[in-house]
PDB file of N, CA and C in Angstrom:
ATOM      1  N   MET A   1      97.840  82.841  87.750  1.00  0.00           N
ATOM      2  CA  MET A   1      98.644  84.058  87.913  1.00  0.00           C
ATOM      3  C   MET A   1      99.821  84.033  86.940  1.00  0.00           C
ATOM      4  N   TRP A   2     100.201  85.214  86.498  1.00  0.00           N
ATOM      5  CA  TRP A   2     101.313  85.357  85.557  1.00  0.00           C
ATOM      6  C   TRP A   2     102.473  86.065  86.245  1.00  0.00           C
ATOM      7  N   SER A   3     103.665  85.637  85.952  1.00  0.00           N
ATOM      8  CA  SER A   3     104.851  86.358  86.400  1.00  0.00           C
ATOM      9  C   SER A   3     104.995  87.601  85.534  1.00  0.00           C
ATOM     10  N   ILE A   4     105.547  88.666  86.082  1.00  0.00           N
ATOM     11  CA  ILE A   4     105.768  89.858  85.260  1.00  0.00           C
ATOM     12  C   ILE A   4     106.730  89.563  84.122  1.00  0.00           C
ATOM     13  N   HIS A   5     107.444  88.463  84.196  1.00  0.00           N
ATOM     14  CA  HIS A   5     108.397  88.106  83.145  1.00  0.00           C
ATOM     15  C   HIS A   5     107.740  87.370  81.994  1.00  0.00           C
ATOM     16  N   ASP A   6     106.456  87.090  82.127  1.00  0.00           N
ATOM     17  CA  ASP A   6     105.743  86.335  81.103  1.00  0.00           C
ATOM     18  C   ASP A   6     104.909  87.259  80.239  1.00  0.00           C
ATOM     19  N   GLY A   7     105.554  88.047  79.404  1.00  0.00           N
ATOM     20  CA  GLY A   7     104.855  88.965  78.516  1.00  0.00           C
ATOM     21  C   GLY A   7     103.998  88.265  77.493  1.00  0.00           C
ATOM     22  N   SER A   8     104.255  86.978  77.290  1.00  0.00           N
ATOM     23  CA  SER A   8     103.442  86.255  76.310  1.00  0.00           C
ATOM     24  C   SER A   8     101.980  86.219  76.740  1.00  0.00           C
ATOM     25  N   SER A   9     101.711  86.301  78.037  1.00  0.00           N
ATOM     26  CA  SER A   9     100.326  86.298  78.505  1.00  0.00           C
ATOM     27  C   SER A   9      99.592  87.521  77.966  1.00  0.00           C
ATOM     28  N   CYS A  10     100.253  88.644  77.873  1.00  0.00           N
ATOM     29  CA  CYS A  10      99.645  89.845  77.308  1.00  0.00           C
ATOM     30  C   CYS A  10      99.376  89.633  75.823  1.00  0.00           C
ATOM     31  N   GLN A  11     100.373  89.112  75.127  1.00  0.00           N
ATOM     32  CA  GLN A  11     100.211  88.873  73.696  1.00  0.00           C
ATOM     33  C   GLN A  11      99.097  87.873  73.425  1.00  0.00           C
ATOM     34  N   GLU A  12      99.029  86.816  74.218  1.00  0.00           N
ATOM     35  CA  GLU A  12      97.997  85.797  74.034  1.00  0.00           C
ATOM     36  C   GLU A  12      96.598  86.368  74.236  1.00  0.00           C
ATOM     37  N   ASN A  13      96.495  87.372  75.096  1.00  0.00           N
ATOM     38  CA  ASN A  13      95.204  88.007  75.360  1.00  0.00           C
ATOM     39  C   ASN A  13      94.965  89.224  74.471  1.00  0.00           C
ATOM     40  N   GLY A  14      95.890  89.483  73.551  1.00  0.00           N
ATOM     41  CA  GLY A  14      95.737  90.608  72.631  1.00  0.00           C
ATOM     42  C   GLY A  14      95.758  91.953  73.328  1.00  0.00           C
ATOM     43  N   CYS A  15      96.430  92.031  74.455  1.00  0.00           N
ATOM     44  CA  CYS A  15      96.491  93.281  75.217  1.00  0.00           C
ATOM     45  C   CYS A  15      97.828  93.977  74.968  1.00  0.00           C
ATOM     46  N   PHE A  16      97.735  95.172  74.453  1.00  0.00           N
ATOM     47  CA  PHE A  16      98.916  95.997  74.229  1.00  0.00           C
ATOM     48  C   PHE A  16      98.687  97.382  74.820  1.00  0.00           C
ATOM     49  N   ASN A  17      97.861  97.432  75.857  1.00  0.00           N
ATOM     50  CA  ASN A  17      97.503  98.691  76.502  1.00  0.00           C
ATOM     51  C   ASN A  17      98.738  99.478  76.935  1.00  0.00           C
ATOM     52  N   CYS A  18      99.757  98.787  77.427  1.00  0.00           N
ATOM     53  CA  CYS A  18     100.957  99.469  77.921  1.00  0.00           C
ATOM     54  C   CYS A  18     101.788 100.064  76.782  1.00  0.00           C
ATOM     55  N   CYS A  19     101.477  99.684  75.552  1.00  0.00           N
ATOM     56  CA  CYS A  19     102.223 100.189  74.393  1.00  0.00           C
ATOM     57  C   CYS A  19     101.620 101.476  73.835  1.00  0.00           C
ATOM     58  N   THR A  20     100.464 101.883  74.362  1.00  0.00           N
ATOM     59  CA  THR A  20      99.821 103.093  73.874  1.00  0.00           C
ATOM     60  C   THR A  20     100.090 104.254  74.820  1.00  0.00           C
ATOM     61  N   GLU A  21     100.340 105.407  74.219  1.00  0.00           N
ATOM     62  CA  GLU A  21     100.615 106.626  74.993  1.00  0.00           C
ATOM     63  C   GLU A  21     101.602 106.369  76.123  1.00  0.00           C
ATOM     64  N   THR A  22     102.668 105.673  75.812  1.00  0.00           N
ATOM     65  CA  THR A  22     103.665 105.328  76.823  1.00  0.00           C
ATOM     66  C   THR A  22     104.523 106.531  77.202  1.00  0.00           C
ATOM     67  N   SER A  23     104.988 106.522  78.423  1.00  0.00           N
ATOM     68  CA  SER A  23     105.973 107.511  78.878  1.00  0.00           C
ATOM     69  C   SER A  23     107.148 106.751  79.496  1.00  0.00           C
ATOM     70  N   MET A  24     107.448 105.587  78.928  1.00  0.00           N
ATOM     71  CA  MET A  24     108.465 104.692  79.466  1.00  0.00           C
ATOM     72  C   MET A  24     109.843 105.346  79.441  1.00  0.00           C
ATOM     73  N   PRO A  25     110.468 105.497  80.618  1.00  0.00           N
ATOM     74  CA  PRO A  25     111.833 106.039  80.661  1.00  0.00           C
ATOM     75  C   PRO A  25     112.832 105.016  80.130  1.00  0.00           C
ATOM     76  N   LEU A  26     113.907 105.535  79.565  1.00  0.00           N
ATOM     77  CA  LEU A  26     114.951 104.687  78.990  1.00  0.00           C
ATOM     78  C   LEU A  26     116.263 104.903  79.712  1.00  0.00           C
ATOM     79  N   SER A  27     116.946 103.823  80.006  1.00  0.00           N
ATOM     80  CA  SER A  27     118.294 103.914  80.558  1.00  0.00           C
ATOM     81  C   SER A  27     119.271 104.076  79.402  1.00  0.00           C
ATOM     82  N   GLN A  28     120.487 104.450  79.719  1.00  0.00           N
ATOM     83  CA  GLN A  28     121.516 104.541  78.679  1.00  0.00           C
ATOM     84  C   GLN A  28     121.752 103.172  78.047  1.00  0.00           C
ATOM     85  N   ALA A  29     121.670 102.126  78.838  1.00  0.00           N
ATOM     86  CA  ALA A  29     121.831 100.764  78.307  1.00  0.00           C
ATOM     87  C   ALA A  29     120.734 100.450  77.288  1.00  0.00           C
ATOM     88  N   ASP A  30     119.497 100.900  77.560  1.00  0.00           N
ATOM     89  CA  ASP A  30     118.402 100.705  76.605  1.00  0.00           C
ATOM     90  C   ASP A  30     118.711 101.428  75.299  1.00  0.00           C
ATOM     91  N   VAL A  31     119.127 102.681  75.428  1.00  0.00           N
ATOM     92  CA  VAL A  31     119.430 103.494  74.245  1.00  0.00           C
ATOM     93  C   VAL A  31     120.555 102.852  73.440  1.00  0.00           C
ATOM     94  N   ASP A  32     121.594 102.419  74.123  1.00  0.00           N
ATOM     95  CA  ASP A  32     122.731 101.787  73.430  1.00  0.00           C
ATOM     96  C   ASP A  32     122.305 100.498  72.729  1.00  0.00           C
ATOM     97  N   ARG A  33     121.514  99.676  73.410  1.00  0.00           N
ATOM     98  CA  ARG A  33     121.078  98.400  72.836  1.00  0.00           C
ATOM     99  C   ARG A  33     120.209  98.629  71.597  1.00  0.00           C
ATOM    100  N   LEU A  34     119.242  99.527  71.694  1.00  0.00           N
ATOM    101  CA  LEU A  34     118.333  99.774  70.582  1.00  0.00           C
ATOM    102  C   LEU A  34     119.038 100.488  69.429  1.00  0.00           C
ATOM    103  N   SER A  35     119.924 101.395  69.762  1.00  0.00           N
ATOM    104  CA  SER A  35     120.725 102.067  68.715  1.00  0.00           C
ATOM    105  C   SER A  35     121.617 101.056  68.009  1.00  0.00           C
ATOM    106  N   GLY A  36     122.167 100.120  68.772  1.00  0.00           N
ATOM    107  CA  GLY A  36     123.026  99.079  68.206  1.00  0.00           C
ATOM    108  C   GLY A  36     122.292  98.177  67.228  1.00  0.00           C
ATOM    109  N   LEU A  37     120.968  98.150  67.327  1.00  0.00           N
ATOM    110  CA  LEU A  37     120.158  97.365  66.390  1.00  0.00           C
ATOM    111  C   LEU A  37     119.859  98.163  65.116  1.00  0.00           C
ATOM    112  N   GLY A  38     120.333  99.412  65.103  1.00  0.00           N
ATOM    113  CA  GLY A  38     120.146 100.251  63.920  1.00  0.00           C
ATOM    114  C   GLY A  38     118.972 101.211  64.010  1.00  0.00           C
ATOM    115  N   TYR A  39     118.309 101.269  65.157  1.00  0.00           N
ATOM    116  CA  TYR A  39     117.166 102.164  65.307  1.00  0.00           C
ATOM    117  C   TYR A  39     117.639 103.560  65.678  1.00  0.00           C
ATOM    118  N   THR A  40     116.970 104.547  65.119  1.00  0.00           N
ATOM    119  CA  THR A  40     117.202 105.950  65.450  1.00  0.00           C
ATOM    120  C   THR A  40     115.839 106.598  65.661  1.00  0.00           C
ATOM    121  N   ASP A  41     115.833 107.746  66.240  1.00  0.00           N
ATOM    122  CA  ASP A  41     114.591 108.517  66.408  1.00  0.00           C
ATOM    123  C   ASP A  41     113.512 107.782  67.199  1.00  0.00           C
ATOM    124  N   PHE A  42     113.888 106.940  68.157  1.00  0.00           N
ATOM    125  CA  PHE A  42     112.917 106.192  68.957  1.00  0.00           C
ATOM    126  C   PHE A  42     112.723 106.795  70.336  1.00  0.00           C
ATOM    127  N   LEU A  43     113.404 107.911  70.615  1.00  0.00           N
ATOM    128  CA  LEU A  43     113.276 108.494  71.943  1.00  0.00           C
ATOM    129  C   LEU A  43     112.997 109.980  71.867  1.00  0.00           C
ATOM    130  N   VAL A  44     112.474 110.466  72.963  1.00  0.00           N
ATOM    131  CA  VAL A  44     112.224 111.886  73.141  1.00  0.00           C
ATOM    132  C   VAL A  44     112.768 112.235  74.522  1.00  0.00           C
ATOM    133  N   VAL A  45     113.272 113.441  74.690  1.00  0.00           N
ATOM    134  CA  VAL A  45     113.762 113.885  75.993  1.00  0.00           C
ATOM    135  C   VAL A  45     112.734 114.850  76.581  1.00  0.00           C
ATOM    136  N   VAL A  46     112.219 114.507  77.755  1.00  0.00           N
ATOM    137  CA  VAL A  46     111.240 115.326  78.468  1.00  0.00           C
ATOM    138  C   VAL A  46     111.779 115.561  79.868  1.00  0.00           C
ATOM    139  N   ASP A  47     111.935 116.832  80.238  1.00  0.00           N
ATOM    140  CA  ASP A  47     112.467 117.167  81.564  1.00  0.00           C
ATOM    141  C   ASP A  47     113.769 116.430  81.850  1.00  0.00           C
ATOM    142  N   ASN A  48     114.659 116.412  80.870  1.00  0.00           N
ATOM    143  CA  ASN A  48     115.972 115.777  80.979  1.00  0.00           C
ATOM    144  C   ASN A  48     115.892 114.269  81.216  1.00  0.00           C
ATOM    145  N   GLU A  49     114.783 113.656  80.784  1.00  0.00           N
ATOM    146  CA  GLU A  49     114.611 112.207  80.901  1.00  0.00           C
ATOM    147  C   GLU A  49     114.345 111.624  79.512  1.00  0.00           C
ATOM    148  N   ARG A  50     115.117 110.608  79.158  1.00  0.00           N
ATOM    149  CA  ARG A  50     114.896 109.908  77.885  1.00  0.00           C
ATOM    150  C   ARG A  50     113.687 108.998  78.026  1.00  0.00           C
ATOM    151  N   ARG A  51     112.782 109.094  77.068  1.00  0.00           N
ATOM    152  CA  ARG A  51     111.583 108.256  77.067  1.00  0.00           C
ATOM    153  C   ARG A  51     111.339 107.706  75.670  1.00  0.00           C
ATOM    154  N   LEU A  52     110.613 106.594  75.624  1.00  0.00           N
ATOM    155  CA  LEU A  52     110.212 106.056  74.328  1.00  0.00           C
ATOM    156  C   LEU A  52     109.320 107.059  73.611  1.00  0.00           C
ATOM    157  N   LEU A  53     109.551 107.218  72.348  1.00  0.00           N
ATOM    158  CA  LEU A  53     108.748 108.099  71.514  1.00  0.00           C
ATOM    159  C   LEU A  53     107.430 107.423  71.172  1.00  0.00           C
ATOM    160  N   ASN A  54     106.354 108.181  71.226  1.00  0.00           N
ATOM    161  CA  ASN A  54     105.060 107.709  70.755  1.00  0.00           C
ATOM    162  C   ASN A  54     104.898 108.158  69.313  1.00  0.00           C
ATOM    163  N   PHE A  55     104.412 107.262  68.496  1.00  0.00           N
ATOM    164  CA  PHE A  55     104.172 107.554  67.090  1.00  0.00           C
ATOM    165  C   PHE A  55     102.753 107.088  66.785  1.00  0.00           C
ATOM    166  N   ASN A  56     101.912 108.002  66.354  1.00  0.00           N
ATOM    167  CA  ASN A  56     100.494 107.689  66.117  1.00  0.00           C
ATOM    168  C   ASN A  56      99.829 107.081  67.357  1.00  0.00           C
ATOM    169  N   GLY A  57     100.181 107.606  68.532  1.00  0.00           N
ATOM    170  CA  GLY A  57      99.538 107.186  69.770  1.00  0.00           C
ATOM    171  C   GLY A  57     100.061 105.919  70.410  1.00  0.00           C
ATOM    172  N   ALA A  58     101.122 105.355  69.846  1.00  0.00           N
ATOM    173  CA  ALA A  58     101.680 104.113  70.401  1.00  0.00           C
ATOM    174  C   ALA A  58     103.197 104.195  70.419  1.00  0.00           C
ATOM    175  N   CYS A  59     103.796 103.304  71.164  1.00  0.00           N
ATOM    176  CA  CYS A  59     105.252 103.214  71.230  1.00  0.00           C
ATOM    177  C   CYS A  59     105.833 103.103  69.822  1.00  0.00           C
ATOM    178  N   PHE A  60     106.945 103.752  69.617  1.00  0.00           N
ATOM    179  CA  PHE A  60     107.664 103.722  68.338  1.00  0.00           C
ATOM    180  C   PHE A  60     107.843 102.292  67.825  1.00  0.00           C
ATOM    181  N   PHE A  61     108.028 101.335  68.718  1.00  0.00           N
ATOM    182  CA  PHE A  61     108.307  99.958  68.328  1.00  0.00           C
ATOM    183  C   PHE A  61     107.060  99.074  68.197  1.00  0.00           C
ATOM    184  N   PHE A  62     105.888  99.649  68.427  1.00  0.00           N
ATOM    185  CA  PHE A  62     104.659  98.849  68.374  1.00  0.00           C
ATOM    186  C   PHE A  62     104.232  98.586  66.935  1.00  0.00           C
ATOM    187  N   GLU A  63     103.870  97.339  66.690  1.00  0.00           N
ATOM    188  CA  GLU A  63     103.293  96.916  65.407  1.00  0.00           C
ATOM    189  C   GLU A  63     101.996  96.187  65.711  1.00  0.00           C
ATOM    190  N   ASP A  64     101.221  95.896  64.688  1.00  0.00           N
ATOM    191  CA  ASP A  64      99.921  95.230  64.875  1.00  0.00           C
ATOM    192  C   ASP A  64     100.009  93.976  65.725  1.00  0.00           C
ATOM    193  N   CYS A  65     101.077  93.231  65.572  1.00  0.00           N
ATOM    194  CA  CYS A  65     101.200  91.964  66.305  1.00  0.00           C
ATOM    195  C   CYS A  65     102.011  92.107  67.588  1.00  0.00           C
ATOM    196  N   GLY A  66     102.386  93.317  67.967  1.00  0.00           N
ATOM    197  CA  GLY A  66     103.124  93.515  69.202  1.00  0.00           C
ATOM    198  C   GLY A  66     104.400  94.311  69.013  1.00  0.00           C
ATOM    199  N   CYS A  67     105.348  94.043  69.869  1.00  0.00           N
ATOM    200  CA  CYS A  67     106.605  94.791  69.916  1.00  0.00           C
ATOM    201  C   CYS A  67     107.626  94.221  68.930  1.00  0.00           C
ATOM    202  N   ARG A  68     108.121  95.084  68.047  1.00  0.00           N
ATOM    203  CA  ARG A  68     109.085  94.585  67.051  1.00  0.00           C
ATOM    204  C   ARG A  68     110.472  94.373  67.646  1.00  0.00           C
ATOM    205  N   VAL A  69     110.720  94.859  68.856  1.00  0.00           N
ATOM    206  CA  VAL A  69     112.017  94.646  69.516  1.00  0.00           C
ATOM    207  C   VAL A  69     111.822  93.880  70.825  1.00  0.00           C
ATOM    208  N   TYR A  70     110.820  93.031  70.877  1.00  0.00           N
ATOM    209  CA  TYR A  70     110.433  92.364  72.118  1.00  0.00           C
ATOM    210  C   TYR A  70     111.620  91.755  72.855  1.00  0.00           C
ATOM    211  N   GLU A  71     112.470  91.036  72.164  1.00  0.00           N
ATOM    212  CA  GLU A  71     113.619  90.395  72.814  1.00  0.00           C
ATOM    213  C   GLU A  71     114.641  91.410  73.323  1.00  0.00           C
ATOM    214  N   ASP A  72     114.611  92.617  72.788  1.00  0.00           N
ATOM    215  CA  ASP A  72     115.556  93.669  73.169  1.00  0.00           C
ATOM    216  C   ASP A  72     114.847  94.877  73.774  1.00  0.00           C
ATOM    217  N   ARG A  73     113.611  94.706  74.219  1.00  0.00           N
ATOM    218  CA  ARG A  73     112.810  95.822  74.727  1.00  0.00           C
ATOM    219  C   ARG A  73     113.474  96.456  75.955  1.00  0.00           C
ATOM    220  N   PRO A  74     113.111  97.716  76.235  1.00  0.00           N
ATOM    221  CA  PRO A  74     113.684  98.411  77.395  1.00  0.00           C
ATOM    222  C   PRO A  74     113.433  97.671  78.707  1.00  0.00           C
ATOM    223  N   GLU A  75     114.322  97.928  79.653  1.00  0.00           N
ATOM    224  CA  GLU A  75     114.228  97.266  80.962  1.00  0.00           C
ATOM    225  C   GLU A  75     112.895  97.539  81.658  1.00  0.00           C
ATOM    226  N   GLY A  76     112.406  98.768  81.555  1.00  0.00           N
ATOM    227  CA  GLY A  76     111.125  99.106  82.173  1.00  0.00           C
ATOM    228  C   GLY A  76     109.979  98.304  81.587  1.00  0.00           C
ATOM    229  N   CYS A  77     110.043  98.044  80.289  1.00  0.00           N
ATOM    230  CA  CYS A  77     109.014  97.222  79.630  1.00  0.00           C
ATOM    231  C   CYS A  77     109.093  95.788  80.141  1.00  0.00           C
ATOM    232  N   ARG A  78     110.294  95.325  80.410  1.00  0.00           N
ATOM    233  CA  ARG A  78     110.469  93.960  80.910  1.00  0.00           C
ATOM    234  C   ARG A  78     109.864  93.791  82.309  1.00  0.00           C
ATOM    235  N   LEU A  79     109.882  94.847  83.096  1.00  0.00           N
ATOM    236  CA  LEU A  79     109.370  94.787  84.466  1.00  0.00           C
ATOM    237  C   LEU A  79     107.884  95.137  84.568  1.00  0.00           C
ATOM    238  N   TYR A  80     107.340  95.746  83.556  1.00  0.00           N
ATOM    239  CA  TYR A  80     105.938  96.155  83.580  1.00  0.00           C
ATOM    240  C   TYR A  80     105.021  94.934  83.685  1.00  0.00           C
ATOM    241  N   PRO A  81     103.957  94.994  84.474  1.00  0.00           N
ATOM    242  CA  PRO A  81     103.269  96.146  85.042  1.00  0.00           C
ATOM    243  C   PRO A  81     103.742  96.585  86.429  1.00  0.00           C
ATOM    244  N   LEU A  82     104.898  96.098  86.873  1.00  0.00           N
ATOM    245  CA  LEU A  82     105.460  96.587  88.134  1.00  0.00           C
ATOM    246  C   LEU A  82     106.009  97.984  87.881  1.00  0.00           C
ATOM    247  N   ILE A  83     105.575  98.959  88.685  1.00  0.00           N
ATOM    248  CA  ILE A  83     105.988 100.338  88.458  1.00  0.00           C
ATOM    249  C   ILE A  83     106.419 101.012  89.757  1.00  0.00           C
ATOM    250  N   PHE A  84     107.186 102.069  89.583  1.00  0.00           N
ATOM    251  CA  PHE A  84     107.581 102.976  90.650  1.00  0.00           C
ATOM    252  C   PHE A  84     106.686 104.193  90.483  1.00  0.00           C
ATOM    253  N   GLY A  85     105.696 104.334  91.361  1.00  0.00           N
ATOM    254  CA  GLY A  85     104.716 105.413  91.230  1.00  0.00           C
ATOM    255  C   GLY A  85     105.283 106.783  91.544  1.00  0.00           C
ATOM    256  N   LYS A  86     104.546 107.804  91.145  1.00  0.00           N
ATOM    257  CA  LYS A  86     104.965 109.191  91.384  1.00  0.00           C
ATOM    258  C   LYS A  86     105.133 109.476  92.868  1.00  0.00           C
ATOM    259  N   ASP A  87     104.411 108.734  93.696  1.00  0.00           N
ATOM    260  CA  ASP A  87     104.509 108.908  95.145  1.00  0.00           C
ATOM    261  C   ASP A  87     105.614 108.046  95.764  1.00  0.00           C
ATOM    262  N   GLY A  88     106.367 107.346  94.894  1.00  0.00           N
ATOM    263  CA  GLY A  88     107.448 106.494  95.367  1.00  0.00           C
ATOM    264  C   GLY A  88     107.018 105.088  95.728  1.00  0.00           C
ATOM    265  N   ALA A  89     105.719 104.815  95.615  1.00  0.00           N
ATOM    266  CA  ALA A  89     105.213 103.481  95.923  1.00  0.00           C
ATOM    267  C   ALA A  89     105.527 102.526  94.775  1.00  0.00           C
ATOM    268  N   ILE A  90     105.793 101.292  95.127  1.00  0.00           N
ATOM    269  CA  ILE A  90     106.050 100.253  94.132  1.00  0.00           C
ATOM    270  C   ILE A  90     104.874  99.293  94.152  1.00  0.00           C
ATOM    271  N   GLY A  91     104.378  98.987  92.980  1.00  0.00           N
ATOM    272  CA  GLY A  91     103.258  98.058  92.884  1.00  0.00           C
ATOM    273  C   GLY A  91     102.880  97.838  91.439  1.00  0.00           C
ATOM    274  N   LEU A  92     101.790  97.155  91.241  1.00  0.00           N
ATOM    275  CA  LEU A  92     101.308  96.863  89.896  1.00  0.00           C
ATOM    276  C   LEU A  92     100.475  98.047  89.395  1.00  0.00           C
ATOM    277  N   ASP A  93     100.691  98.415  88.156  1.00  0.00           N
ATOM    278  CA  ASP A  93     100.028  99.565  87.548  1.00  0.00           C
ATOM    279  C   ASP A  93      98.525  99.330  87.459  1.00  0.00           C
ATOM    280  N   GLY A  94      97.762 100.187  88.100  1.00  0.00           N
ATOM    281  CA  GLY A  94      96.310 100.082  88.063  1.00  0.00           C
ATOM    282  C   GLY A  94      95.722 100.312  86.692  1.00  0.00           C
ATOM    283  N   GLU A  95      96.509 100.896  85.778  1.00  0.00           N
ATOM    284  CA  GLU A  95      96.025 101.115  84.415  1.00  0.00           C
ATOM    285  C   GLU A  95      96.183  99.868  83.549  1.00  0.00           C
ATOM    286  N   CYS A  96      96.885  98.876  84.043  1.00  0.00           N
ATOM    287  CA  CYS A  96      97.019  97.609  83.316  1.00  0.00           C
ATOM    288  C   CYS A  96      95.729  96.825  83.545  1.00  0.00           C
ATOM    289  N   PRO A  97      95.007  96.506  82.467  1.00  0.00           N
ATOM    290  CA  PRO A  97      93.734  95.811  82.651  1.00  0.00           C
ATOM    291  C   PRO A  97      93.862  94.400  83.224  1.00  0.00           C
ATOM    292  N   HIS A  98      95.067  93.865  83.246  1.00  0.00           N
ATOM    293  CA  HIS A  98      95.283  92.510  83.760  1.00  0.00           C
ATOM    294  C   HIS A  98      96.191  92.495  84.993  1.00  0.00           C
ATOM    295  N   ALA A  99      96.388  93.643  85.627  1.00  0.00           N
ATOM    296  CA  ALA A  99      97.323  93.753  86.749  1.00  0.00           C
ATOM    297  C   ALA A  99      97.032  92.735  87.845  1.00  0.00           C
ATOM    298  N   ASP A 100      95.761  92.443  88.066  1.00  0.00           N
ATOM    299  CA  ASP A 100      95.398  91.510  89.136  1.00  0.00           C
ATOM    300  C   ASP A 100      95.808  90.069  88.845  1.00  0.00           C
ATOM    301  N   LYS A 101      96.278  89.812  87.637  1.00  0.00           N
ATOM    302  CA  LYS A 101      96.686  88.457  87.264  1.00  0.00           C
ATOM    303  C   LYS A 101      98.203  88.267  87.349  1.00  0.00           C
ATOM    304  N   PHE A 102      98.935  89.324  87.673  1.00  0.00           N
ATOM    305  CA  PHE A 102     100.398  89.264  87.704  1.00  0.00           C
ATOM    306  C   PHE A 102     100.923  89.103  89.120  1.00  0.00           C
ATOM    307  N   THR A 103     102.074  88.454  89.224  1.00  0.00           N
ATOM    308  CA  THR A 103     102.802  88.353  90.481  1.00  0.00           C
ATOM    309  C   THR A 103     104.212  88.876  90.266  1.00  0.00           C
ATOM    310  N   TYR A 104     104.842  89.270  91.349  1.00  0.00           N
ATOM    311  CA  TYR A 104     106.231  89.711  91.288  1.00  0.00           C
ATOM    312  C   TYR A 104     106.916  89.346  92.593  1.00  0.00           C
ATOM    313  N   SER A 105     108.248  89.369  92.541  1.00  0.00           N
ATOM    314  CA  SER A 105     109.035  88.947  93.708  1.00  0.00           C
ATOM    315  C   SER A 105     109.847  90.114  94.260  1.00  0.00           C
ATOM    316  N   GLY A 106     110.488  89.856  95.379  1.00  0.00           N
ATOM    317  CA  GLY A 106     111.400  90.840  95.961  1.00  0.00           C
ATOM    318  C   GLY A 106     112.558  91.163  95.025  1.00  0.00           C
ATOM    319  N   VAL A 107     112.996  90.183  94.250  1.00  0.00           N
ATOM    320  CA  VAL A 107     114.061  90.411  93.266  1.00  0.00           C
ATOM    321  C   VAL A 107     113.573  91.384  92.206  1.00  0.00           C
ATOM    322  N   ASP A 108     112.313  91.249  91.786  1.00  0.00           N
ATOM    323  CA  ASP A 108     111.748  92.170  90.803  1.00  0.00           C
ATOM    324  C   ASP A 108     111.726  93.594  91.361  1.00  0.00           C
ATOM    325  N   VAL A 109     111.336  93.736  92.628  1.00  0.00           N
ATOM    326  CA  VAL A 109     111.320  95.054  93.268  1.00  0.00           C
ATOM    327  C   VAL A 109     112.737  95.628  93.310  1.00  0.00           C
ATOM    328  N   SER A 110     113.705  94.809  93.682  1.00  0.00           N
ATOM    329  CA  SER A 110     115.108  95.259  93.710  1.00  0.00           C
ATOM    330  C   SER A 110     115.571  95.695  92.321  1.00  0.00           C
ATOM    331  N   ASN A 111     115.212  94.915  91.308  1.00  0.00           N
ATOM    332  CA  ASN A 111     115.592  95.262  89.936  1.00  0.00           C
ATOM    333  C   ASN A 111     114.962  96.582  89.504  1.00  0.00           C
ATOM    334  N   LEU A 112     113.705  96.794  89.884  1.00  0.00           N
ATOM    335  CA  LEU A 112     113.038  98.048  89.542  1.00  0.00           C
ATOM    336  C   LEU A 112     113.704  99.227  90.249  1.00  0.00           C
ATOM    337  N   LEU A 113     113.993  99.072  91.534  1.00  0.00           N
ATOM    338  CA  LEU A 113     114.653 100.157  92.269  1.00  0.00           C
ATOM    339  C   LEU A 113     116.030 100.466  91.692  1.00  0.00           C
ATOM    340  N   GLU A 114     116.773  99.445  91.316  1.00  0.00           N
ATOM    341  CA  GLU A 114     118.091  99.652  90.717  1.00  0.00           C
ATOM    342  C   GLU A 114     117.945 100.400  89.397  1.00  0.00           C
ATOM    343  N   LEU A 115     116.955 100.036  88.588  1.00  0.00           N
ATOM    344  CA  LEU A 115     116.723 100.712  87.309  1.00  0.00           C
ATOM    345  C   LEU A 115     116.335 102.170  87.531  1.00  0.00           C
ATOM    346  N   VAL A 116     115.422 102.426  88.445  1.00  0.00           N
ATOM    347  CA  VAL A 116     114.996 103.796  88.742  1.00  0.00           C
ATOM    348  C   VAL A 116     116.186 104.632  89.208  1.00  0.00           C
ATOM    349  N   ASN A 117     116.980 104.094  90.119  1.00  0.00           N
ATOM    350  CA  ASN A 117     118.142 104.831  90.614  1.00  0.00           C
ATOM    351  C   ASN A 117     119.166 105.090  89.513  1.00  0.00           C
ATOM    352  N   ARG A 118     119.377 104.109  88.648  1.00  0.00           N
ATOM    353  CA  ARG A 118     120.333 104.274  87.546  1.00  0.00           C
ATOM    354  C   ARG A 118     119.850 105.359  86.581  1.00  0.00           C
ATOM    355  N   ILE A 119     118.581 105.325  86.232  1.00  0.00           N
ATOM    356  CA  ILE A 119     118.044 106.337  85.324  1.00  0.00           C
ATOM    357  C   ILE A 119     118.127 107.715  85.960  1.00  0.00           C
ATOM    358  N   MET A 120     117.858 107.817  87.253  1.00  0.00           N
ATOM    359  CA  MET A 120     117.951 109.108  87.942  1.00  0.00           C
ATOM    360  C   MET A 120     119.386 109.628  87.929  1.00  0.00           C
ATOM    361  N   ARG A 121     120.351 108.735  88.154  1.00  0.00           N
ATOM    362  CA  ARG A 121     121.768 109.151  88.100  1.00  0.00           C
ATOM    363  C   ARG A 121     122.130 109.612  86.686  1.00  0.00           C
ATOM    364  N   GLU A 122     121.684 108.867  85.698  1.00  0.00           N
ATOM    365  CA  GLU A 122     121.991 109.223  84.311  1.00  0.00           C
ATOM    366  C   GLU A 122     121.337 110.551  83.936  1.00  0.00           C
ATOM    367  N   ASN A 123     120.136 110.799  84.417  1.00  0.00           N
ATOM    368  CA  ASN A 123     119.444 112.042  84.098  1.00  0.00           C
ATOM    369  C   ASN A 123     120.054 113.237  84.819  1.00  0.00           C
ATOM    370  N   ALA A 124     120.769 112.985  85.910  1.00  0.00           N
ATOM    371  CA  ALA A 124     121.410 114.078  86.639  1.00  0.00           C
ATOM    372  C   ALA A 124     122.549 114.676  85.800  1.00  0.00           C
ATOM    373  N   VAL A 125     123.073 113.876  84.869  1.00  0.00           N
ATOM    374  CA  VAL A 125     124.093 114.354  83.946  1.00  0.00           C
ATOM    375  C   VAL A 125     123.361 114.994  82.779  1.00  0.00           C
ATOM    376  N   LYS A 126     123.726 116.198  82.434  1.00  0.00           N
ATOM    377  CA  LYS A 126     123.044 116.917  81.345  1.00  0.00           C
ATOM    378  C   LYS A 126     123.067 116.091  80.079  1.00  0.00           C
ATOM    379  N   LEU A 127     121.877 115.838  79.521  1.00  0.00           N
ATOM    380  CA  LEU A 127     121.781 115.051  78.283  1.00  0.00           C
ATOM    381  C   LEU A 127     122.146 115.896  77.079  1.00  0.00           C
TER     382      LEU A 127
END
């Protein structure tokens, strides 16, 4: 079993499924961190929510060998495949081909809920 914090397991298996056609929401902290690295034009606003931009069907930061900002990737990417579903359920993303190999803790759930709530508060302010 892999911890959700062990993204190297995805890289070792050559799986970058979560990097394609992403709709990953971004917190203001994510935007500030990535902008501070000199990146621009990496986000799109949809329904007053900041999300990672897809470029040629993949995340703006995706390269052949993986994520070019891996150490500074968004918080949601760090927690994936743990997701907050549209129905409010928390669990492992069924679209992740390796979801059954991941484990997560109560702390991970708390971190995800805190991130979701923070992004919702930030989105309540007109972007």
